[in-house]
Amino acid sequence: MSVSCIFYVKKRWQEQQRLRRPLIQGVGKVSNENEDNALVEYIRQNPSASAVKAREQTLFPGSLRVAQMRLKQSGLKNCAAVRKVSLTAEHKHRRVQFANEFLIHGEEFWNNVVFSNEKTFQSCNSGRLRVYRPRNTRFEENYTFTSTNSGRFFVNVWAWISVNGPGMCYQIDGRLTTEHYINILDNVMLPSVREVFPDNFTFQHLLNPSLITAVKSLLFLPS
């Protein structure tokens, strides 16, 4: 211990009759419990709202950084929202029915299945939507949003995939009509799939009525 340190310890004892440093009192909270709860409850009711808007609507007295800290302390995390396809009750019923119907099939069957789907990639007016949500709630309905047409630009594609990985990805010019789908199956799907499955395979396609018509029509086309 240095001489100067001994000097200050002796001086503190003579003047204050203590050896330890006094406890430093921190700055008080800028918000009380009710104000914190109001901020958190607003976000729970409006998960897609920003911390800026929540702070304004609840008249939270702290800064934006403090508001974000309060939300984080409450277990709410700001995450990118999951984009989900809009499904009707019939869509959901058919998906469950499909799963139950093929539940009994083993790995050998699924190794020869080719899954196909069409997808529209489109621009978005507002960018990636973010929400405040608790952990492990990513796919709950309150924290997802449904895809809608943006009215700007879009690209339609059709593709297939199997246990071996992604297959052919084909850009669709315009709408996917019955005639267009027959052309895809005959000139895109069959040649590309046979390169991976030369012997046999099971083809899964959408339940769109026009596409079902195309598959049925293709069965009677000359080879």
Protein backbone atom coordinates (compact mmCIF):
# COMPACT_ATOMS: atom_id res chain seq x y z
CA MET A 1 0.00 0.00 0.00
CA SER A 2 1.39 3.38 -0.98
CA VAL A 3 2.02 6.24 1.43
CA SER A 4 -0.65 8.37 -0.24
CA CYS A 5 -3.24 5.63 0.15
CA ILE A 6 -2.45 5.31 3.87
CA PHE A 7 -2.75 9.08 4.19
CA TYR A 8 -6.25 9.14 2.64
CA VAL A 9 -7.46 6.20 4.75
CA LYS A 10 -6.24 7.93 7.91
CA LYS A 11 -7.84 11.21 6.87
CA ARG A 12 -11.20 9.51 6.11
CA TRP A 13 -11.21 7.91 9.55
CA GLN A 14 -10.38 11.16 11.32
CA GLU A 15 -13.05 13.17 9.47
CA GLN A 16 -15.84 10.60 8.90
CA GLN A 17 -15.02 7.72 11.31
CA ARG A 18 -15.21 5.16 8.52
CA LEU A 19 -12.82 3.21 6.27
CA ARG A 20 -15.10 2.10 3.40
CA ARG A 21 -16.13 4.33 0.55
CA PRO A 22 -19.74 5.62 0.70
CA LEU A 23 -22.30 3.89 -1.53
CA ILE A 24 -22.89 5.90 -4.68
CA GLN A 25 -26.57 6.59 -5.19
CA GLY A 26 -27.63 5.93 -8.78
CA VAL A 27 -29.97 8.07 -10.82
CA GLY A 28 -33.64 7.25 -10.18
CA LYS A 29 -35.79 5.60 -12.84
CA VAL A 30 -37.35 8.01 -15.31
CA SER A 31 -40.53 5.91 -15.39
CA ASN A 32 -42.64 4.25 -12.75
CA GLU A 33 -44.17 0.76 -12.79
CA ASN A 34 -47.50 1.92 -14.24
CA GLU A 35 -45.80 3.71 -17.11
CA ASP A 36 -43.65 0.67 -17.85
CA ASN A 37 -46.70 -1.61 -17.81
CA ALA A 38 -48.64 0.71 -20.12
CA LEU A 39 -45.77 0.66 -22.63
CA VAL A 40 -45.45 -3.13 -22.55
CA GLU A 41 -49.22 -3.70 -22.74
CA TYR A 42 -49.50 -1.43 -25.77
CA ILE A 43 -46.91 -3.48 -27.62
CA ARG A 44 -48.59 -6.74 -26.59
CA GLN A 45 -51.82 -5.49 -28.11
CA ASN A 46 -50.06 -4.02 -31.16
CA PRO A 47 -47.01 -6.24 -31.82
CA SER A 48 -46.27 -4.67 -35.21
CA ALA A 49 -46.04 -1.17 -33.72
CA SER A 50 -42.61 0.40 -33.34
CA ALA A 51 -41.11 1.47 -30.04
CA VAL A 52 -41.33 5.06 -31.30
CA LYS A 53 -45.09 4.83 -31.76
CA ALA A 54 -45.60 2.95 -28.48
CA ARG A 55 -43.66 5.65 -26.63
CA GLU A 56 -45.78 8.38 -28.22
CA GLN A 57 -49.13 6.66 -27.66
CA THR A 58 -48.48 5.82 -24.01
CA LEU A 59 -46.74 9.13 -23.20
CA PHE A 60 -43.76 7.21 -21.89
CA PRO A 61 -41.47 9.74 -20.13
CA GLY A 62 -38.17 8.04 -20.96
CA SER A 63 -36.12 8.21 -24.14
CA LEU A 64 -36.53 5.81 -27.06
CA ARG A 65 -33.55 3.81 -25.83
CA VAL A 66 -35.11 3.47 -22.37
CA ALA A 67 -38.43 2.38 -23.94
CA GLN A 68 -36.65 -0.29 -25.98
CA MET A 69 -34.83 -1.44 -22.85
CA ARG A 70 -38.12 -1.75 -20.92
CA LEU A 71 -39.61 -3.87 -23.72
CA LYS A 72 -36.58 -6.12 -23.79
CA GLN A 73 -36.67 -6.54 -20.02
CA SER A 74 -40.30 -7.63 -20.26
CA GLY A 75 -39.33 -10.50 -22.58
CA LEU A 76 -40.45 -8.89 -25.86
CA LYS A 77 -37.93 -9.11 -28.68
CA ASN A 78 -38.06 -7.16 -31.92
CA CYS A 79 -37.98 -9.74 -34.76
CA ALA A 80 -38.81 -9.99 -38.44
CA ALA A 81 -42.39 -11.21 -38.87
CA VAL A 82 -43.03 -14.51 -40.62
CA ARG A 83 -44.79 -14.22 -43.96
CA LYS A 84 -47.56 -16.80 -44.30
CA VAL A 85 -49.80 -17.72 -47.21
CA SER A 86 -53.46 -16.93 -46.65
CA LEU A 87 -55.27 -20.24 -46.03
CA THR A 88 -58.98 -20.89 -45.82
CA ALA A 89 -60.52 -23.51 -43.55
CA GLU A 90 -60.76 -25.83 -46.58
CA HIS A 91 -57.06 -25.39 -47.34
CA LYS A 92 -56.12 -26.29 -43.78
CA HIS A 93 -58.45 -29.30 -43.79
CA ARG A 94 -56.92 -30.66 -47.00
CA ARG A 95 -53.39 -30.26 -45.68
CA VAL A 96 -54.20 -32.22 -42.54
CA GLN A 97 -56.01 -34.82 -44.63
CA PHE A 98 -52.96 -35.21 -46.89
CA ALA A 99 -50.65 -35.61 -43.90
CA ASN A 100 -52.86 -38.26 -42.29
CA GLU A 101 -53.30 -40.15 -45.56
CA PHE A 102 -49.56 -40.52 -46.20
CA LEU A 103 -48.47 -40.86 -42.60
CA ILE A 104 -48.08 -44.63 -42.94
CA HIS A 105 -45.58 -44.46 -45.81
CA GLY A 106 -41.96 -45.08 -44.94
CA GLU A 107 -38.66 -43.56 -45.99
CA GLU A 108 -38.40 -45.65 -49.17
CA PHE A 109 -41.62 -44.14 -50.50
CA TRP A 110 -40.67 -40.54 -49.72
CA ASN A 111 -37.23 -40.95 -51.28
CA ASN A 112 -38.97 -41.23 -54.67
CA VAL A 113 -41.46 -38.38 -54.27
CA VAL A 114 -41.12 -35.21 -56.34
CA PHE A 115 -42.84 -32.18 -54.81
CA SER A 116 -43.81 -29.24 -57.01
CA ASN A 117 -45.24 -25.80 -56.41
CA GLU A 118 -45.64 -22.40 -57.98
CA LYS A 119 -44.57 -19.19 -56.28
CA THR A 120 -45.05 -15.50 -56.95
CA PHE A 121 -42.13 -13.30 -55.90
CA GLN A 122 -43.25 -9.70 -55.59
CA SER A 123 -42.11 -6.34 -54.35
CA CYS A 124 -43.31 -4.95 -51.03
CA ASN A 125 -44.40 -1.38 -50.34
CA SER A 126 -43.29 -1.27 -46.71
CA GLY A 127 -40.20 -3.50 -46.63
CA ARG A 128 -39.71 -6.28 -44.12
CA LEU A 129 -42.30 -6.10 -41.35
CA ARG A 130 -41.03 -6.43 -37.78
CA VAL A 131 -42.92 -7.32 -34.62
CA TYR A 132 -42.31 -7.46 -30.88
CA ARG A 133 -42.93 -10.97 -29.55
CA PRO A 134 -41.86 -13.31 -26.73
CA ARG A 135 -39.44 -16.15 -27.39
CA ASN A 136 -40.71 -19.31 -29.13
CA THR A 137 -43.81 -17.59 -30.58
CA ARG A 138 -42.54 -17.00 -34.12
CA PHE A 139 -45.35 -18.83 -35.91
CA GLU A 140 -48.26 -17.72 -33.72
CA GLU A 141 -50.94 -15.89 -35.68
CA ASN A 142 -50.53 -12.60 -33.80
CA TYR A 143 -46.90 -12.32 -34.91
CA THR A 144 -47.26 -13.28 -38.60
CA PHE A 145 -48.71 -11.47 -41.59
CA THR A 146 -50.42 -12.65 -44.75
CA SER A 147 -48.90 -12.09 -48.16
CA THR A 148 -50.84 -9.65 -50.34
CA ASN A 149 -50.35 -8.29 -53.86
CA SER A 150 -48.28 -5.13 -53.80
CA GLY A 151 -49.46 -3.81 -57.15
CA ARG A 152 -45.91 -3.07 -58.25
CA PHE A 153 -44.00 -5.91 -59.95
CA PHE A 154 -43.90 -9.68 -59.57
CA VAL A 155 -42.33 -12.82 -61.05
CA ASN A 156 -44.09 -16.20 -61.25
CA VAL A 157 -42.01 -19.36 -61.04
CA TRP A 158 -42.65 -23.11 -60.90
CA ALA A 159 -40.18 -25.58 -59.40
CA TRP A 160 -39.82 -29.07 -58.01
CA ILE A 161 -37.79 -30.55 -55.17
CA SER A 162 -37.02 -34.02 -53.84
CA VAL A 163 -34.93 -35.72 -51.18
CA ASN A 164 -31.94 -35.19 -53.50
CA GLY A 165 -32.33 -31.41 -53.33
CA PRO A 166 -33.87 -28.68 -55.51
CA GLY A 167 -34.70 -29.54 -59.09
CA MET A 168 -35.65 -27.36 -62.05
CA CYS A 169 -36.83 -23.80 -61.41
CA TYR A 170 -38.84 -22.41 -64.33
CA GLN A 171 -40.03 -18.83 -64.80
CA ILE A 172 -43.67 -18.62 -65.86
CA ASP A 173 -44.62 -16.03 -68.46
CA GLY A 174 -48.00 -14.73 -67.33
CA ARG A 175 -50.58 -16.82 -65.50
CA LEU A 176 -50.25 -20.57 -64.95
CA THR A 177 -53.08 -21.83 -67.18
CA THR A 178 -53.93 -25.44 -68.01
CA GLU A 179 -52.16 -25.24 -71.36
CA HIS A 180 -49.10 -23.64 -69.79
CA TYR A 181 -48.97 -26.28 -67.06
CA ILE A 182 -49.17 -29.11 -69.61
CA ASN A 183 -46.18 -27.58 -71.37
CA ILE A 184 -44.24 -27.36 -68.08
CA LEU A 185 -44.99 -30.97 -67.15
CA ASP A 186 -44.16 -32.34 -70.58
CA ASN A 187 -41.13 -30.24 -71.50
CA VAL A 188 -39.68 -29.12 -68.15
CA MET A 189 -40.72 -31.46 -65.36
CA LEU A 190 -40.44 -34.86 -67.05
CA PRO A 191 -37.00 -34.37 -68.68
CA SER A 192 -35.45 -32.85 -65.57
CA VAL A 193 -36.98 -35.36 -63.14
CA ARG A 194 -35.96 -38.36 -65.26
CA GLU A 195 -32.33 -37.26 -64.96
CA VAL A 196 -32.64 -37.83 -61.19
CA PHE A 197 -35.21 -40.65 -61.17
CA PRO A 198 -34.68 -42.67 -64.38
CA ASP A 199 -36.84 -45.60 -63.23
CA ASN A 200 -39.92 -44.37 -61.38
CA PHE A 201 -41.10 -41.58 -59.10
CA THR A 202 -44.27 -40.23 -57.46
CA PHE A 203 -45.25 -36.73 -58.55
CA GLN A 204 -47.06 -34.45 -56.10
CA HIS A 205 -48.76 -31.40 -57.55
CA LEU A 206 -51.12 -28.64 -56.43
CA LEU A 207 -54.85 -29.20 -55.98
CA ASN A 208 -55.71 -26.27 -58.21
CA PRO A 209 -58.56 -27.49 -60.51
CA SER A 210 -56.90 -26.21 -63.68
CA LEU A 211 -53.64 -27.95 -62.76
CA ILE A 212 -55.44 -31.21 -62.00
CA THR A 213 -57.00 -30.96 -65.46
CA ALA A 214 -53.54 -30.48 -66.92
CA VAL A 215 -52.17 -33.58 -65.19
CA LYS A 216 -55.11 -35.66 -66.39
CA SER A 217 -54.68 -34.32 -69.92
CA LEU A 218 -50.96 -35.11 -69.88
CA LEU A 219 -51.71 -38.76 -69.08
CA PHE A 220 -53.36 -39.10 -72.48
CA LEU A 221 -50.72 -37.26 -74.48
CA PRO A 222 -48.72 -39.40 -76.91
CA SER A 223 -45.19 -40.19 -75.68
